[in-house]
């Protein structure tokens, strides 16, 4: 595990990405508080069905949820 401040992470981004590609985990800190973990992508990880939850919450159809999704949960 590699621990790094946010400032150092930004300056050395490409190096930290290479470390993650080789299996390392990078923990990013801001004022001695861990704020993020950078780990290798896991394509087998189950992603929650955001569209279904958003439609239920907003009580809208599928096409309407697609239009609104970027506004509330970020673009995929």
N, C-alpha and C. Protein backbone atom coordinates (compact mmCIF):
# COMPACT_ATOMS: atom_id res chain seq x y z
N UNK A 1 0.85 -1.17 0.00
CA UNK A 1 0.00 0.00 0.00
C UNK A 1 0.90 1.24 0.00
N UNK A 2 0.54 2.17 -0.85
CA UNK A 2 1.26 3.44 -0.95
C UNK A 2 0.37 4.53 -0.37
N UNK A 3 0.93 5.32 0.57
CA UNK A 3 0.20 6.45 1.14
C UNK A 3 0.78 7.72 0.56
N UNK A 4 -0.09 8.64 0.12
CA UNK A 4 0.38 9.85 -0.54
C UNK A 4 -0.59 11.00 -0.27
N UNK A 5 -0.04 12.21 -0.19
CA UNK A 5 -0.91 13.38 -0.04
C UNK A 5 -1.54 13.70 -1.39
N UNK A 6 -2.63 14.43 -1.36
CA UNK A 6 -3.33 14.79 -2.59
C UNK A 6 -2.40 15.57 -3.52
N UNK A 7 -1.63 16.48 -2.97
CA UNK A 7 -0.72 17.30 -3.78
C UNK A 7 0.34 16.44 -4.48
N UNK A 8 0.95 15.52 -3.73
CA UNK A 8 1.96 14.64 -4.33
C UNK A 8 1.33 13.70 -5.36
N UNK A 9 0.11 13.28 -5.08
CA UNK A 9 -0.59 12.40 -6.02
C UNK A 9 -0.79 13.09 -7.36
N UNK A 10 -1.23 14.33 -7.32
CA UNK A 10 -1.46 15.07 -8.56
C UNK A 10 -0.18 15.24 -9.34
N UNK A 11 0.92 15.57 -8.63
CA UNK A 11 2.20 15.77 -9.33
C UNK A 11 2.76 14.48 -9.91
N UNK A 12 2.49 13.35 -9.26
CA UNK A 12 3.05 12.09 -9.72
C UNK A 12 2.02 11.12 -10.24
N UNK A 13 0.94 11.62 -10.82
CA UNK A 13 -0.19 10.80 -11.22
C UNK A 13 0.21 9.60 -12.07
N UNK A 14 0.99 9.82 -13.10
CA UNK A 14 1.32 8.70 -14.01
C UNK A 14 2.08 7.60 -13.27
N UNK A 15 2.94 7.97 -12.35
CA UNK A 15 3.66 6.96 -11.57
C UNK A 15 2.75 6.15 -10.68
N UNK A 16 1.77 6.82 -10.07
CA UNK A 16 0.83 6.10 -9.21
C UNK A 16 -0.09 5.20 -10.02
N UNK A 17 -0.44 5.62 -11.22
CA UNK A 17 -1.25 4.76 -12.08
C UNK A 17 -0.46 3.50 -12.45
N UNK A 18 0.81 3.66 -12.76
CA UNK A 18 1.65 2.49 -13.05
C UNK A 18 1.75 1.56 -11.85
N UNK A 19 1.84 2.14 -10.65
CA UNK A 19 1.90 1.31 -9.44
C UNK A 19 0.61 0.52 -9.26
N UNK A 20 -0.53 1.16 -9.52
CA UNK A 20 -1.82 0.48 -9.40
C UNK A 20 -1.93 -0.63 -10.44
N UNK A 21 -1.45 -0.37 -11.65
CA UNK A 21 -1.47 -1.40 -12.70
C UNK A 21 -0.66 -2.62 -12.29
N UNK A 22 0.37 -2.41 -11.50
CA UNK A 22 1.20 -3.53 -11.07
C UNK A 22 0.68 -4.18 -9.78
N UNK A 23 -0.48 -3.73 -9.29
CA UNK A 23 -1.12 -4.39 -8.16
C UNK A 23 -1.09 -3.62 -6.86
N UNK A 24 -0.47 -2.47 -6.82
CA UNK A 24 -0.43 -1.68 -5.59
C UNK A 24 -1.77 -0.99 -5.34
N UNK A 25 -1.99 -0.65 -4.11
CA UNK A 25 -3.15 0.16 -3.71
C UNK A 25 -2.61 1.51 -3.26
N UNK A 26 -3.19 2.60 -3.75
CA UNK A 26 -2.74 3.93 -3.39
C UNK A 26 -3.84 4.59 -2.55
N UNK A 27 -3.46 5.03 -1.34
CA UNK A 27 -4.39 5.73 -0.47
C UNK A 27 -4.00 7.20 -0.47
N UNK A 28 -4.96 8.05 -0.82
CA UNK A 28 -4.71 9.49 -0.95
C UNK A 28 -5.22 10.19 0.31
N UNK A 29 -4.36 11.02 0.90
CA UNK A 29 -4.66 11.70 2.14
C UNK A 29 -4.78 13.20 1.93
N UNK A 30 -5.65 13.82 2.72
CA UNK A 30 -5.75 15.28 2.79
C UNK A 30 -5.71 15.65 4.27
N UNK A 31 -4.66 16.33 4.67
CA UNK A 31 -4.46 16.72 6.08
C UNK A 31 -4.56 15.51 7.01
N UNK A 32 -3.82 14.48 6.70
CA UNK A 32 -3.74 13.24 7.50
C UNK A 32 -5.05 12.46 7.58
N UNK A 33 -6.00 12.77 6.70
CA UNK A 33 -7.25 12.03 6.63
C UNK A 33 -7.34 11.32 5.29
N UNK A 34 -7.52 10.00 5.29
CA UNK A 34 -7.66 9.30 4.01
C UNK A 34 -8.94 9.73 3.32
N UNK A 35 -8.81 10.12 2.04
CA UNK A 35 -9.99 10.59 1.30
C UNK A 35 -10.35 9.70 0.12
N UNK A 36 -9.38 8.91 -0.37
CA UNK A 36 -9.68 8.06 -1.53
C UNK A 36 -8.70 6.91 -1.60
N UNK A 37 -9.17 5.81 -2.18
CA UNK A 37 -8.33 4.65 -2.49
C UNK A 37 -8.30 4.50 -3.99
N UNK A 38 -7.12 4.33 -4.54
CA UNK A 38 -6.98 4.04 -5.96
C UNK A 38 -6.55 2.59 -6.08
N UNK A 39 -7.42 1.78 -6.69
CA UNK A 39 -7.14 0.36 -6.85
C UNK A 39 -7.38 -0.03 -8.30
N UNK A 40 -6.86 -1.17 -8.67
CA UNK A 40 -7.03 -1.67 -10.02
C UNK A 40 -8.51 -1.92 -10.31
N UNK A 41 -8.91 -1.67 -11.54
CA UNK A 41 -10.30 -1.88 -11.95
C UNK A 41 -10.65 -3.36 -11.90
N UNK A 42 -11.85 -3.65 -11.42
CA UNK A 42 -12.33 -5.02 -11.34
C UNK A 42 -13.57 -5.12 -12.22
N UNK A 43 -13.39 -5.69 -13.41
CA UNK A 43 -14.53 -5.76 -14.33
C UNK A 43 -15.60 -6.74 -13.87
N UNK A 44 -15.29 -7.57 -12.87
CA UNK A 44 -16.28 -8.50 -12.33
C UNK A 44 -17.11 -7.89 -11.21
N UNK A 45 -16.77 -6.65 -10.82
CA UNK A 45 -17.48 -5.98 -9.75
C UNK A 45 -18.91 -5.65 -10.19
N UNK A 46 -19.86 -5.99 -9.36
CA UNK A 46 -21.26 -5.72 -9.70
C UNK A 46 -21.56 -4.24 -9.46
N UNK A 47 -22.09 -3.58 -10.48
CA UNK A 47 -22.44 -2.18 -10.39
C UNK A 47 -23.94 -2.09 -10.12
N UNK A 48 -24.33 -1.29 -9.13
CA UNK A 48 -25.76 -1.18 -8.83
C UNK A 48 -26.54 -0.62 -10.01
N UNK A 49 -27.79 -1.00 -10.11
CA UNK A 49 -28.64 -0.52 -11.20
C UNK A 49 -29.14 0.88 -10.85
N UNK A 50 -28.33 1.87 -11.18
CA UNK A 50 -28.65 3.26 -10.86
C UNK A 50 -29.90 3.71 -11.58
N UNK A 51 -30.05 3.32 -12.85
CA UNK A 51 -31.22 3.75 -13.61
C UNK A 51 -32.51 3.30 -12.94
N UNK A 52 -32.56 2.07 -12.48
CA UNK A 52 -33.77 1.53 -11.86
C UNK A 52 -34.09 2.31 -10.58
N UNK A 53 -33.07 2.58 -9.77
CA UNK A 53 -33.27 3.32 -8.53
C UNK A 53 -33.71 4.75 -8.82
N UNK A 54 -33.09 5.36 -9.84
CA UNK A 54 -33.42 6.74 -10.18
C UNK A 54 -34.85 6.84 -10.70
N UNK A 55 -35.25 5.89 -11.55
CA UNK A 55 -36.62 5.90 -12.07
C UNK A 55 -37.63 5.76 -10.93
N UNK A 56 -37.33 4.88 -9.99
CA UNK A 56 -38.25 4.67 -8.87
C UNK A 56 -38.34 5.95 -8.02
N UNK A 57 -37.20 6.57 -7.79
CA UNK A 57 -37.18 7.77 -6.97
C UNK A 57 -37.91 8.93 -7.64
N UNK A 58 -37.72 9.08 -8.94
CA UNK A 58 -38.31 10.19 -9.66
C UNK A 58 -39.66 9.85 -10.27
N UNK A 59 -40.00 8.55 -10.25
CA UNK A 59 -41.25 8.07 -10.83
C UNK A 59 -41.35 8.47 -12.31
N UNK A 60 -40.30 8.15 -13.07
CA UNK A 60 -40.28 8.45 -14.50
C UNK A 60 -39.95 7.19 -15.28
N UNK A 61 -40.16 7.23 -16.57
CA UNK A 61 -39.86 6.10 -17.44
C UNK A 61 -38.38 5.99 -17.75
N UNK A 62 -37.99 4.93 -18.46
CA UNK A 62 -36.59 4.65 -18.77
C UNK A 62 -35.92 5.77 -19.57
N UNK A 63 -36.56 6.24 -20.63
CA UNK A 63 -35.95 7.28 -21.46
C UNK A 63 -35.76 8.58 -20.69
N UNK A 64 -36.71 8.93 -19.84
CA UNK A 64 -36.58 10.13 -19.03
C UNK A 64 -35.44 9.99 -18.03
N UNK A 65 -35.28 8.81 -17.47
CA UNK A 65 -34.21 8.57 -16.50
C UNK A 65 -32.85 8.70 -17.17
N UNK A 66 -32.73 8.23 -18.43
CA UNK A 66 -31.47 8.36 -19.15
C UNK A 66 -31.09 9.83 -19.32
N UNK A 67 -32.07 10.67 -19.60
CA UNK A 67 -31.81 12.10 -19.78
C UNK A 67 -31.37 12.74 -18.47
N UNK A 68 -31.98 12.31 -17.36
CA UNK A 68 -31.72 12.93 -16.07
C UNK A 68 -30.51 12.35 -15.34
N UNK A 69 -30.08 11.16 -15.72
CA UNK A 69 -29.03 10.47 -14.98
C UNK A 69 -27.76 11.32 -14.85
N UNK A 70 -27.35 11.96 -15.91
CA UNK A 70 -26.14 12.77 -15.87
C UNK A 70 -26.22 13.92 -14.89
N UNK A 71 -27.40 14.42 -14.65
CA UNK A 71 -27.57 15.55 -13.73
C UNK A 71 -27.41 15.14 -12.28
N UNK A 72 -27.79 13.90 -11.93
CA UNK A 72 -27.84 13.51 -10.52
C UNK A 72 -26.71 12.58 -10.10
N UNK A 73 -26.24 11.70 -10.96
CA UNK A 73 -25.25 10.70 -10.52
C UNK A 73 -23.97 10.76 -11.34
N UNK A 74 -23.79 11.69 -12.21
CA UNK A 74 -22.58 11.76 -13.02
C UNK A 74 -22.74 10.94 -14.28
N UNK A 75 -22.01 11.33 -15.29
CA UNK A 75 -22.10 10.63 -16.57
C UNK A 75 -21.27 9.37 -16.52
N UNK A 76 -21.80 8.31 -17.09
CA UNK A 76 -21.11 7.01 -17.07
C UNK A 76 -20.01 6.97 -18.06
